[in-house]
Amino acid sequence: MQFKLVSFVGAALFASSVAAICPGYNYGIIDVGRDVATGKEGYAVVDDSCTQVAGAITSNPCDEPLFSCSPPPITIVGLHYGGQNYACRGDVNSGYCGGTHVQVCCRNDGN
C-alpha cells in the first residue's frame, strides 16, 4: 500500500504555535484519529516545530512502507522517510502538536 499525505489533518491540527516537540529527535509521529469517510486511521509525521512532512491514511500502519512496527503490543518503531531510516520510541518529552499528543519520537539511526 502506498503512503499518502494525510490531507484530513490539515491546518486545523497544526495551526497553533507550539514549543518544540521530541527534543533530540528528527521527527514525531501522531495518530490523528479515524477518518469517518474512509474508516481508516490517519498518521502524521511532523518535524520538531509540528510541521507535517509526511503521513499515511491506512487501516494498518504496519502495512505502510513509511513505518516499521514492533510485535504485539504493536507500536511504530521505525520511520522510513527521505531515503533515511529513523528509530522511533516513546519519550516523556514528546509533547503535543495543536493539542494532539505525539505518540513516538524518531531519530536517525545512521542507516
PDB file of N, CA and C in Angstrom:
ATOM      1  N   MET A   1       0.845  -1.175   0.000  1.00  0.00           N
ATOM      2  CA  MET A   1       0.000   0.000   0.000  1.00  0.00           C
ATOM      3  C   MET A   1       0.891   1.239   0.000  1.00  0.00           C
ATOM      4  N   GLN A   2       0.636   2.153  -0.869  1.00  0.00           N
ATOM      5  CA  GLN A   2       1.438   3.370  -0.984  1.00  0.00           C
ATOM      6  C   GLN A   2       0.974   4.389   0.047  1.00  0.00           C
ATOM      7  N   PHE A   3       1.931   5.092   0.679  1.00  0.00           N
ATOM      8  CA  PHE A   3       1.524   6.091   1.659  1.00  0.00           C
ATOM      9  C   PHE A   3       1.107   7.369   0.964  1.00  0.00           C
ATOM     10  N   LYS A   4       0.183   8.073   1.599  1.00  0.00           N
ATOM     11  CA  LYS A   4      -0.336   9.320   1.061  1.00  0.00           C
ATOM     12  C   LYS A   4      -0.223  10.377   2.135  1.00  0.00           C
ATOM     13  N   LEU A   5      -0.133  11.629   1.728  1.00  0.00           N
ATOM     14  CA  LEU A   5      -0.145  12.695   2.716  1.00  0.00           C
ATOM     15  C   LEU A   5      -1.492  12.709   3.404  1.00  0.00           C
ATOM     16  N   VAL A   6      -1.466  12.957   4.673  1.00  0.00           N
ATOM     17  CA  VAL A   6      -2.697  12.971   5.450  1.00  0.00           C
ATOM     18  C   VAL A   6      -3.361  14.324   5.261  1.00  0.00           C
ATOM     19  N   SER A   7      -4.266  14.395   4.304  1.00  0.00           N
ATOM     20  CA  SER A   7      -4.880  15.680   3.985  1.00  0.00           C
ATOM     21  C   SER A   7      -5.942  16.080   4.985  1.00  0.00           C
ATOM     22  N   PHE A   8      -6.619  15.109   5.608  1.00  0.00           N
ATOM     23  CA  PHE A   8      -7.684  15.489   6.530  1.00  0.00           C
ATOM     24  C   PHE A   8      -7.146  16.058   7.830  1.00  0.00           C
ATOM     25  N   VAL A   9      -5.857  15.912   8.082  1.00  0.00           N
ATOM     26  CA  VAL A   9      -5.255  16.531   9.262  1.00  0.00           C
ATOM     27  C   VAL A   9      -5.306  18.034   9.081  1.00  0.00           C
ATOM     28  N   GLY A  10      -4.841  18.475   7.918  1.00  0.00           N
ATOM     29  CA  GLY A  10      -4.922  19.863   7.520  1.00  0.00           C
ATOM     30  C   GLY A  10      -4.340  20.846   8.501  1.00  0.00           C
ATOM     31  N   ALA A  11      -4.649  22.085   8.243  1.00  0.00           N
ATOM     32  CA  ALA A  11      -4.120  23.180   9.046  1.00  0.00           C
ATOM     33  C   ALA A  11      -4.699  23.214  10.439  1.00  0.00           C
ATOM     34  N   ALA A  12      -5.871  22.667  10.650  1.00  0.00           N
ATOM     35  CA  ALA A  12      -6.520  22.766  11.959  1.00  0.00           C
ATOM     36  C   ALA A  12      -5.677  22.161  13.071  1.00  0.00           C
ATOM     37  N   LEU A  13      -5.069  21.004  12.815  1.00  0.00           N
ATOM     38  CA  LEU A  13      -4.295  20.339  13.856  1.00  0.00           C
ATOM     39  C   LEU A  13      -3.022  21.093  14.187  1.00  0.00           C
ATOM     40  N   PHE A  14      -2.378  21.653  13.192  1.00  0.00           N
ATOM     41  CA  PHE A  14      -1.067  22.243  13.401  1.00  0.00           C
ATOM     42  C   PHE A  14      -1.061  23.765  13.308  1.00  0.00           C
ATOM     43  N   ALA A  15      -2.230  24.376  13.357  1.00  0.00           N
ATOM     44  CA  ALA A  15      -2.318  25.823  13.172  1.00  0.00           C
ATOM     45  C   ALA A  15      -1.748  26.608  14.338  1.00  0.00           C
ATOM     46  N   SER A  16      -1.912  26.093  15.544  1.00  0.00           N
ATOM     47  CA  SER A  16      -1.449  26.859  16.693  1.00  0.00           C
ATOM     48  C   SER A  16       0.055  26.739  16.849  1.00  0.00           C
ATOM     49  N   SER A  17       0.673  27.803  17.346  1.00  0.00           N
ATOM     50  CA  SER A  17       2.110  27.740  17.577  1.00  0.00           C
ATOM     51  C   SER A  17       2.371  26.902  18.821  1.00  0.00           C
ATOM     52  N   VAL A  18       3.436  26.130  18.780  1.00  0.00           N
ATOM     53  CA  VAL A  18       3.747  25.221  19.872  1.00  0.00           C
ATOM     54  C   VAL A  18       5.239  25.264  20.152  1.00  0.00           C
ATOM     55  N   ALA A  19       5.599  24.783  21.332  1.00  0.00           N
ATOM     56  CA  ALA A  19       7.013  24.612  21.657  1.00  0.00           C
ATOM     57  C   ALA A  19       7.523  23.406  20.872  1.00  0.00           C
ATOM     58  N   ALA A  20       8.825  23.292  20.748  1.00  0.00           N
ATOM     59  CA  ALA A  20       9.415  22.172  20.023  1.00  0.00           C
ATOM     60  C   ALA A  20       8.994  20.853  20.657  1.00  0.00           C
ATOM     61  N   ILE A  21       8.781  19.873  19.805  1.00  0.00           N
ATOM     62  CA  ILE A  21       8.428  18.533  20.272  1.00  0.00           C
ATOM     63  C   ILE A  21       9.642  17.626  20.114  1.00  0.00           C
ATOM     64  N   CYS A  22       9.641  16.516  20.813  1.00  0.00           N
ATOM     65  CA  CYS A  22      10.665  15.482  20.675  1.00  0.00           C
ATOM     66  C   CYS A  22      12.093  16.040  20.670  1.00  0.00           C
ATOM     67  N   PRO A  23      12.514  16.720  21.750  1.00  0.00           N
ATOM     68  CA  PRO A  23      13.872  17.268  21.774  1.00  0.00           C
ATOM     69  C   PRO A  23      14.928  16.174  21.556  1.00  0.00           C
ATOM     70  N   GLY A  24      15.884  16.448  20.671  1.00  0.00           N
ATOM     71  CA  GLY A  24      16.937  15.485  20.367  1.00  0.00           C
ATOM     72  C   GLY A  24      16.574  14.501  19.274  1.00  0.00           C
ATOM     73  N   TYR A  25      15.372  14.605  18.732  1.00  0.00           N
ATOM     74  CA  TYR A  25      14.910  13.708  17.672  1.00  0.00           C
ATOM     75  C   TYR A  25      14.695  14.507  16.393  1.00  0.00           C
ATOM     76  N   ASN A  26      14.559  13.795  15.280  1.00  0.00           N
ATOM     77  CA  ASN A  26      14.308  14.444  13.995  1.00  0.00           C
ATOM     78  C   ASN A  26      12.819  14.645  13.722  1.00  0.00           C
ATOM     79  N   TYR A  27      11.999  13.657  14.104  1.00  0.00           N
ATOM     80  CA  TYR A  27      10.570  13.685  13.788  1.00  0.00           C
ATOM     81  C   TYR A  27       9.741  13.081  14.916  1.00  0.00           C
ATOM     82  N   GLY A  28       8.460  13.378  14.876  1.00  0.00           N
ATOM     83  CA  GLY A  28       7.483  12.750  15.750  1.00  0.00           C
ATOM     84  C   GLY A  28       6.361  12.181  14.900  1.00  0.00           C
ATOM     85  N   ILE A  29       5.665  11.179  15.433  1.00  0.00           N
ATOM     86  CA  ILE A  29       4.529  10.582  14.724  1.00  0.00           C
ATOM     87  C   ILE A  29       3.294  10.721  15.597  1.00  0.00           C
ATOM     88  N   ILE A  30       2.220  11.190  14.963  1.00  0.00           N
ATOM     89  CA  ILE A  30       0.957  11.429  15.652  1.00  0.00           C
ATOM     90  C   ILE A  30      -0.126  10.558  15.028  1.00  0.00           C
ATOM     91  N   ASP A  31      -0.881   9.851  15.867  1.00  0.00           N
ATOM     92  CA  ASP A  31      -2.096   9.174  15.422  1.00  0.00           C
ATOM     93  C   ASP A  31      -3.187  10.230  15.477  1.00  0.00           C
ATOM     94  N   VAL A  32      -3.624  10.706  14.310  1.00  0.00           N
ATOM     95  CA  VAL A  32      -4.573  11.818  14.273  1.00  0.00           C
ATOM     96  C   VAL A  32      -6.021  11.369  14.299  1.00  0.00           C
ATOM     97  N   GLY A  33      -6.251  10.071  14.384  1.00  0.00           N
ATOM     98  CA  GLY A  33      -7.611   9.572  14.528  1.00  0.00           C
ATOM     99  C   GLY A  33      -8.176   8.978  13.256  1.00  0.00           C
ATOM    100  N   ARG A  34      -9.385   8.505  13.412  1.00  0.00           N
ATOM    101  CA  ARG A  34     -10.072   7.806  12.329  1.00  0.00           C
ATOM    102  C   ARG A  34     -10.774   8.797  11.410  1.00  0.00           C
ATOM    103  N   ASP A  35     -10.600   8.593  10.113  1.00  0.00           N
ATOM    104  CA  ASP A  35     -11.308   9.369   9.101  1.00  0.00           C
ATOM    105  C   ASP A  35     -12.680   8.723   8.918  1.00  0.00           C
ATOM    106  N   VAL A  36     -13.725   9.430   9.292  1.00  0.00           N
ATOM    107  CA  VAL A  36     -15.080   8.888   9.246  1.00  0.00           C
ATOM    108  C   VAL A  36     -15.455   8.457   7.830  1.00  0.00           C
ATOM    109  N   ALA A  37     -15.033   9.198   6.839  1.00  0.00           N
ATOM    110  CA  ALA A  37     -15.400   8.899   5.452  1.00  0.00           C
ATOM    111  C   ALA A  37     -14.832   7.566   4.966  1.00  0.00           C
ATOM    112  N   THR A  38     -13.611   7.234   5.378  1.00  0.00           N
ATOM    113  CA  THR A  38     -12.964   6.014   4.882  1.00  0.00           C
ATOM    114  C   THR A  38     -12.893   4.906   5.922  1.00  0.00           C
ATOM    115  N   GLY A  39     -13.055   5.256   7.191  1.00  0.00           N
ATOM    116  CA  GLY A  39     -12.900   4.278   8.261  1.00  0.00           C
ATOM    117  C   GLY A  39     -11.453   3.935   8.543  1.00  0.00           C
ATOM    118  N   LYS A  40     -10.535   4.693   7.956  1.00  0.00           N
ATOM    119  CA  LYS A  40      -9.109   4.427   8.141  1.00  0.00           C
ATOM    120  C   LYS A  40      -8.510   5.416   9.130  1.00  0.00           C
ATOM    121  N   GLU A  41      -7.385   5.013   9.700  1.00  0.00           N
ATOM    122  CA  GLU A  41      -6.678   5.825  10.691  1.00  0.00           C
ATOM    123  C   GLU A  41      -5.660   6.719   9.987  1.00  0.00           C
ATOM    124  N   GLY A  42      -5.503   7.938  10.481  1.00  0.00           N
ATOM    125  CA  GLY A  42      -4.531   8.861   9.916  1.00  0.00           C
ATOM    126  C   GLY A  42      -3.312   8.987  10.813  1.00  0.00           C
ATOM    127  N   TYR A  43      -2.146   9.040  10.206  1.00  0.00           N
ATOM    128  CA  TYR A  43      -0.885   9.213  10.921  1.00  0.00           C
ATOM    129  C   TYR A  43      -0.124  10.357  10.273  1.00  0.00           C
ATOM    130  N   ALA A  44       0.366  11.279  11.089  1.00  0.00           N
ATOM    131  CA  ALA A  44       1.130  12.418  10.593  1.00  0.00           C
ATOM    132  C   ALA A  44       2.560  12.333  11.109  1.00  0.00           C
ATOM    133  N   VAL A  45       3.512  12.536  10.211  1.00  0.00           N
ATOM    134  CA  VAL A  45       4.924  12.653  10.576  1.00  0.00           C
ATOM    135  C   VAL A  45       5.213  14.147  10.608  1.00  0.00           C
ATOM    136  N   VAL A  46       5.690  14.629  11.760  1.00  0.00           N
ATOM    137  CA  VAL A  46       5.925  16.061  11.943  1.00  0.00           C
ATOM    138  C   VAL A  46       7.370  16.310  12.357  1.00  0.00           C
ATOM    139  N   ASP A  47       7.873  17.499  11.991  1.00  0.00           N
ATOM    140  CA  ASP A  47       9.206  17.876  12.449  1.00  0.00           C
ATOM    141  C   ASP A  47       9.101  18.496  13.840  1.00  0.00           C
ATOM    142  N   ASP A  48      10.216  18.990  14.375  1.00  0.00           N
ATOM    143  CA  ASP A  48      10.212  19.461  15.767  1.00  0.00           C
ATOM    144  C   ASP A  48       9.394  20.726  15.990  1.00  0.00           C
ATOM    145  N   SER A  49       8.920  21.356  14.913  1.00  0.00           N
ATOM    146  CA  SER A  49       8.048  22.522  15.076  1.00  0.00           C
ATOM    147  C   SER A  49       6.606  22.207  14.677  1.00  0.00           C
ATOM    148  N   CYS A  50       6.273  20.917  14.603  1.00  0.00           N
ATOM    149  CA  CYS A  50       4.920  20.432  14.298  1.00  0.00           C
ATOM    150  C   CYS A  50       4.489  20.664  12.858  1.00  0.00           C
ATOM    151  N   THR A  51       5.433  20.863  11.962  1.00  0.00           N
ATOM    152  CA  THR A  51       5.102  20.962  10.546  1.00  0.00           C
ATOM    153  C   THR A  51       5.018  19.552   9.979  1.00  0.00           C
ATOM    154  N   GLN A  52       3.888  19.217   9.368  1.00  0.00           N
ATOM    155  CA  GLN A  52       3.727  17.887   8.802  1.00  0.00           C
ATOM    156  C   GLN A  52       4.598  17.737   7.569  1.00  0.00           C
ATOM    157  N   VAL A  53       5.412  16.659   7.538  1.00  0.00           N
ATOM    158  CA  VAL A  53       6.299  16.399   6.408  1.00  0.00           C
ATOM    159  C   VAL A  53       5.871  15.169   5.611  1.00  0.00           C
ATOM    160  N   ALA A  54       5.103  14.284   6.219  1.00  0.00           N
ATOM    161  CA  ALA A  54       4.615  13.072   5.554  1.00  0.00           C
ATOM    162  C   ALA A  54       3.456  12.532   6.373  1.00  0.00           C
ATOM    163  N   GLY A  55       2.806  11.531   5.845  1.00  0.00           N
ATOM    164  CA  GLY A  55       1.717  10.923   6.581  1.00  0.00           C
ATOM    165  C   GLY A  55       1.121   9.763   5.824  1.00  0.00           C
ATOM    166  N   ALA A  56       0.176   9.114   6.456  1.00  0.00           N
ATOM    167  CA  ALA A  56      -0.496   7.974   5.846  1.00  0.00           C
ATOM    168  C   ALA A  56      -1.920   7.896   6.360  1.00  0.00           C
ATOM    169  N   ILE A  57      -2.801   7.453   5.484  1.00  0.00           N
ATOM    170  CA  ILE A  57      -4.167   7.104   5.865  1.00  0.00           C
ATOM    171  C   ILE A  57      -4.284   5.623   5.569  1.00  0.00           C
ATOM    172  N   THR A  58      -4.508   4.816   6.597  1.00  0.00           N
ATOM    173  CA  THR A  58      -4.417   3.371   6.426  1.00  0.00           C
ATOM    174  C   THR A  58      -5.257   2.639   7.463  1.00  0.00           C
ATOM    175  N   SER A  59      -5.591   1.410   7.167  1.00  0.00           N
ATOM    176  CA  SER A  59      -6.254   0.579   8.161  1.00  0.00           C
ATOM    177  C   SER A  59      -5.229  -0.148   9.030  1.00  0.00           C
ATOM    178  N   ASN A  60      -3.950  -0.138   8.605  1.00  0.00           N
ATOM    179  CA  ASN A  60      -2.897  -0.773   9.396  1.00  0.00           C
ATOM    180  C   ASN A  60      -1.560  -0.078   9.108  1.00  0.00           C
ATOM    181  N   PRO A  61      -1.049   0.714  10.054  1.00  0.00           N
ATOM    182  CA  PRO A  61       0.212   1.421   9.803  1.00  0.00           C
ATOM    183  C   PRO A  61       1.386   0.475   9.556  1.00  0.00           C
ATOM    184  N   CYS A  62       1.289  -0.748  10.041  1.00  0.00           N
ATOM    185  CA  CYS A  62       2.378  -1.710   9.873  1.00  0.00           C
ATOM    186  C   CYS A  62       2.488  -2.203   8.431  1.00  0.00           C
ATOM    187  N   ASP A  63       1.442  -1.992   7.627  1.00  0.00           N
ATOM    188  CA  ASP A  63       1.476  -2.355   6.213  1.00  0.00           C
ATOM    189  C   ASP A  63       2.038  -1.235   5.342  1.00  0.00           C
ATOM    190  N   GLU A  64       2.305  -0.090   5.930  1.00  0.00           N
ATOM    191  CA  GLU A  64       2.800   1.065   5.182  1.00  0.00           C
ATOM    192  C   GLU A  64       4.324   1.015   5.064  1.00  0.00           C
ATOM    193  N   PRO A  65       4.874   1.296   3.880  1.00  0.00           N
ATOM    194  CA  PRO A  65       6.334   1.328   3.740  1.00  0.00           C
ATOM    195  C   PRO A  65       6.977   2.466   4.531  1.00  0.00           C
ATOM    196  N   LEU A  66       6.176   3.410   4.959  1.00  0.00           N
ATOM    197  CA  LEU A  66       6.672   4.544   5.738  1.00  0.00           C
ATOM    198  C   LEU A  66       7.073   4.144   7.157  1.00  0.00           C
ATOM    199  N   PHE A  67       6.454   3.080   7.691  1.00  0.00           N
ATOM    200  CA  PHE A  67       6.641   2.705   9.096  1.00  0.00           C
ATOM    201  C   PHE A  67       7.127   1.268   9.254  1.00  0.00           C
ATOM    202  N   SER A  68       7.781   0.999  10.395  1.00  0.00           N
ATOM    203  CA  SER A  68       8.055  -0.356  10.875  1.00  0.00           C
ATOM    204  C   SER A  68       7.394  -0.475  12.234  1.00  0.00           C
ATOM    205  N   CYS A  69       6.914  -1.678  12.549  1.00  0.00           N
ATOM    206  CA  CYS A  69       6.200  -1.882  13.811  1.00  0.00           C
ATOM    207  C   CYS A  69       6.840  -2.983  14.640  1.00  0.00           C
ATOM    208  N   SER A  70       6.564  -2.929  15.934  1.00  0.00           N
ATOM    209  CA  SER A  70       7.020  -3.955  16.866  1.00  0.00           C
ATOM    210  C   SER A  70       6.037  -5.120  16.841  1.00  0.00           C
ATOM    211  N   PRO A  71       6.444  -6.264  17.414  1.00  0.00           N
ATOM    212  CA  PRO A  71       5.469  -7.324  17.666  1.00  0.00           C
ATOM    213  C   PRO A  71       4.474  -6.829  18.727  1.00  0.00           C
ATOM    214  N   PRO A  72       3.370  -7.547  18.941  1.00  0.00           N
ATOM    215  CA  PRO A  72       2.392  -7.105  19.954  1.00  0.00           C
ATOM    216  C   PRO A  72       3.038  -6.911  21.320  1.00  0.00           C
ATOM    217  N   PRO A  73       2.656  -5.883  22.061  1.00  0.00           N
ATOM    218  CA  PRO A  73       1.687  -4.848  21.691  1.00  0.00           C
ATOM    219  C   PRO A  73       2.288  -3.924  20.636  1.00  0.00           C
ATOM    220  N   ILE A  74       1.583  -3.759  19.550  1.00  0.00           N
ATOM    221  CA  ILE A  74       2.107  -3.066  18.376  1.00  0.00           C
ATOM    222  C   ILE A  74       2.288  -1.577  18.629  1.00  0.00           C
ATOM    223  N   THR A  75       3.469  -1.100  18.262  1.00  0.00           N
ATOM    224  CA  THR A  75       3.775   0.326  18.256  1.00  0.00           C
ATOM    225  C   THR A  75       4.688   0.598  17.065  1.00  0.00           C
ATOM    226  N   ILE A  76       4.698   1.819  16.584  1.00  0.00           N
ATOM    227  CA  ILE A  76       5.590   2.184  15.482  1.00  0.00           C
ATOM    228  C   ILE A  76       6.999   2.340  16.052  1.00  0.00           C
ATOM    229  N   VAL A  77       7.953   1.580  15.503  1.00  0.00           N
ATOM    230  CA  VAL A  77       9.339   1.609  15.989  1.00  0.00           C
ATOM    231  C   VAL A  77      10.323   2.095  14.931  1.00  0.00           C
ATOM    232  N   GLY A  78       9.834   2.341  13.720  1.00  0.00           N
ATOM    233  CA  GLY A  78      10.711   2.820  12.663  1.00  0.00           C
ATOM    234  C   GLY A  78       9.976   3.712  11.687  1.00  0.00           C
ATOM    235  N   LEU A  79      10.695   4.708  11.192  1.00  0.00           N
ATOM    236  CA  LEU A  79      10.198   5.617  10.165  1.00  0.00           C
ATOM    237  C   LEU A  79      11.178   5.557   9.002  1.00  0.00           C
ATOM    238  N   HIS A  80      10.659   5.422   7.783  1.00  0.00           N
ATOM    239  CA  HIS A  80      11.480   5.366   6.574  1.00  0.00           C
ATOM    240  C   HIS A  80      11.045   6.542   5.705  1.00  0.00           C
ATOM    241  N   TYR A  81      11.848   7.605   5.729  1.00  0.00           N
ATOM    242  CA  TYR A  81      11.441   8.853   5.087  1.00  0.00           C
ATOM    243  C   TYR A  81      12.656   9.534   4.454  1.00  0.00           C
ATOM    244  N   GLY A  82      12.495  10.014   3.247  1.00  0.00           N
ATOM    245  CA  GLY A  82      13.563  10.748   2.569  1.00  0.00           C
ATOM    246  C   GLY A  82      14.815   9.925   2.335  1.00  0.00           C
ATOM    247  N   GLY A  83      14.653   8.619   2.133  1.00  0.00           N
ATOM    248  CA  GLY A  83      15.801   7.755   1.905  1.00  0.00           C
ATOM    249  C   GLY A  83      16.585   7.413   3.162  1.00  0.00           C
ATOM    250  N   GLN A  84      16.065   7.785   4.319  1.00  0.00           N
ATOM    251  CA  GLN A  84      16.729   7.516   5.600  1.00  0.00           C
ATOM    252  C   GLN A  84      15.842   6.648   6.484  1.00  0.00           C
ATOM    253  N   ASN A  85      16.467   5.958   7.421  1.00  0.00           N
ATOM    254  CA  ASN A  85      15.749   5.172   8.419  1.00  0.00           C
ATOM    255  C   ASN A  85      15.899   5.845   9.773  1.00  0.00           C
ATOM    256  N   TYR A  86      14.809   5.912  10.506  1.00  0.00           N
ATOM    257  CA  TYR A  86      14.787   6.550  11.818  1.00  0.00           C
ATOM    258  C   TYR A  86      14.232   5.556  12.831  1.00  0.00           C
ATOM    259  N   ALA A  87      14.915   5.421  13.958  1.00  0.00           N
ATOM    260  CA  ALA A  87      14.432   4.585  15.052  1.00  0.00           C
ATOM    261  C   ALA A  87      13.452   5.412  15.881  1.00  0.00           C
ATOM    262  N   CYS A  88      12.302   4.834  16.211  1.00  0.00           N
ATOM    263  CA  CYS A  88      11.249   5.558  16.931  1.00  0.00           C
ATOM    264  C   CYS A  88      10.965   4.904  18.272  1.00  0.00           C
ATOM    265  N   ARG A  89      10.626   5.741  19.251  1.00  0.00           N
ATOM    266  CA  ARG A  89      10.253   5.234  20.573  1.00  0.00           C
ATOM    267  C   ARG A  89       9.464   6.312  21.302  1.00  0.00           C
ATOM    268  N   GLY A  90       8.757   5.886  22.326  1.00  0.00           N
ATOM    269  CA  GLY A  90       8.053   6.840  23.172  1.00  0.00           C
ATOM    270  C   GLY A  90       9.060   7.637  23.982  1.00  0.00           C
ATOM    271  N   ASP A  91       8.720   8.869  24.301  1.00  0.00           N
ATOM    272  CA  ASP A  91       9.597   9.725  25.090  1.00  0.00           C
ATOM    273  C   ASP A  91       8.729  10.605  25.974  1.00  0.00           C
ATOM    274  N   VAL A  92       9.115  10.755  27.234  1.00  0.00           N
ATOM    275  CA  VAL A  92       8.311  11.561  28.168  1.00  0.00           C
ATOM    276  C   VAL A  92       8.231  13.017  27.741  1.00  0.00           C
ATOM    277  N   ASN A  93       9.162  13.476  26.914  1.00  0.00           N
ATOM    278  CA  ASN A  93       9.161  14.861  26.436  1.00  0.00           C
ATOM    279  C   ASN A  93       8.631  14.991  25.013  1.00  0.00           C
ATOM    280  N   SER A  94       7.849  14.005  24.558  1.00  0.00           N
ATOM    281  CA  SER A  94       7.381  14.027  23.167  1.00  0.00           C
ATOM    282  C   SER A  94       6.534  15.252  22.857  1.00  0.00           C
ATOM    283  N   GLY A  95       5.692  15.654  23.766  1.00  0.00           N
ATOM    284  CA  GLY A  95       4.927  16.882  23.600  1.00  0.00           C
ATOM    285  C   GLY A  95       3.651  16.736  22.802  1.00  0.00           C
ATOM    286  N   TYR A  96       3.131  17.883  22.371  1.00  0.00           N
ATOM    287  CA  TYR A  96       1.840  17.976  21.692  1.00  0.00           C
ATOM    288  C   TYR A  96       1.949  18.909  20.502  1.00  0.00           C
ATOM    289  N   CYS A  97       1.198  18.603  19.461  1.00  0.00           N
ATOM    290  CA  CYS A  97       1.039  19.497  18.312  1.00  0.00           C
ATOM    291  C   CYS A  97      -0.438  19.865  18.242  1.00  0.00           C
ATOM    292  N   GLY A  98      -0.736  21.129  18.433  1.00  0.00           N
ATOM    293  CA  GLY A  98      -2.120  21.566  18.371  1.00  0.00           C
ATOM    294  C   GLY A  98      -3.037  20.822  19.312  1.00  0.00           C
ATOM    295  N   GLY A  99      -2.526  20.414  20.472  1.00  0.00           N
ATOM    296  CA  GLY A  99      -3.330  19.696  21.452  1.00  0.00           C
ATOM    297  C   GLY A  99      -3.362  18.189  21.263  1.00  0.00           C
ATOM    298  N   THR A 100      -2.726  17.668  20.217  1.00  0.00           N
ATOM    299  CA  THR A 100      -2.696  16.229  19.959  1.00  0.00           C
ATOM    300  C   THR A 100      -1.333  15.674  20.359  1.00  0.00           C
ATOM    301  N   HIS A 101      -1.357  14.620  21.177  1.00  0.00           N
ATOM    302  CA  HIS A 101      -0.132  14.031  21.717  1.00  0.00           C
ATOM    303  C   HIS A 101       0.705  13.364  20.624  1.00  0.00           C
ATOM    304  N   VAL A 102       2.012  13.569  20.681  1.00  0.00           N
ATOM    305  CA  VAL A 102       2.951  12.889  19.790  1.00  0.00           C
ATOM    306  C   VAL A 102       3.224  11.517  20.401  1.00  0.00           C
ATOM    307  N   GLN A 103       2.860  10.444  19.680  1.00  0.00           N
ATOM    308  CA  GLN A 103       2.986   9.089  20.225  1.00  0.00           C
ATOM    309  C   GLN A 103       4.428   8.623  20.336  1.00  0.00           C
ATOM    310  N   VAL A 104       5.205   8.807  19.267  1.00  0.00           N
ATOM    311  CA  VAL A 104       6.601   8.367  19.281  1.00  0.00           C
ATOM    312  C   VAL A 104       7.482   9.438  18.654  1.00  0.00           C
ATOM    313  N   CYS A 105       8.741   9.441  19.067  1.00  0.00           N
ATOM    314  CA  CYS A 105       9.753  10.347  18.525  1.00  0.00           C
ATOM    315  C   CYS A 105      10.752   9.500  17.740  1.00  0.00           C
ATOM    316  N   CYS A 106      11.258  10.047  16.628  1.00  0.00           N
ATOM    317  CA  CYS A 106      12.117   9.278  15.735  1.00  0.00           C
ATOM    318  C   CYS A 106      13.433  10.006  15.488  1.00  0.00           C
ATOM    319  N   ARG A 107      14.521   9.238  15.581  1.00  0.00           N
ATOM    320  CA  ARG A 107      15.869   9.783  15.412  1.00  0.00           C
ATOM    321  C   ARG A 107      16.596   8.947  14.363  1.00  0.00           C
ATOM    322  N   ASN A 108      17.424   9.603  13.552  1.00  0.00           N
ATOM    323  CA  ASN A 108      18.173   8.894  12.525  1.00  0.00           C
ATOM    324  C   ASN A 108      19.139   7.929  13.185  1.00  0.00           C
ATOM    325  N   ASP A 109      19.088   6.666  12.746  1.00  0.00           N
ATOM    326  CA  ASP A 109      19.964   5.654  13.345  1.00  0.00           C
ATOM    327  C   ASP A 109      21.222   5.415  12.519  1.00  0.00           C
ATOM    328  N   GLY A 110      21.470   6.282  11.526  1.00  0.00           N
ATOM    329  CA  GLY A 110      22.684   6.172  10.733  1.00  0.00           C
ATOM    330  C   GLY A 110      22.583   5.267   9.529  1.00  0.00           C
ATOM    331  N   ASN A 111      21.417   4.699   9.283  1.00  0.00           N
ATOM    332  CA  ASN A 111      21.242   3.800   8.122  1.00  0.00           C
ATOM    333  C   ASN A 111      20.476   4.485   7.013  1.00  0.00           C
TER     334      ASN A 111
END
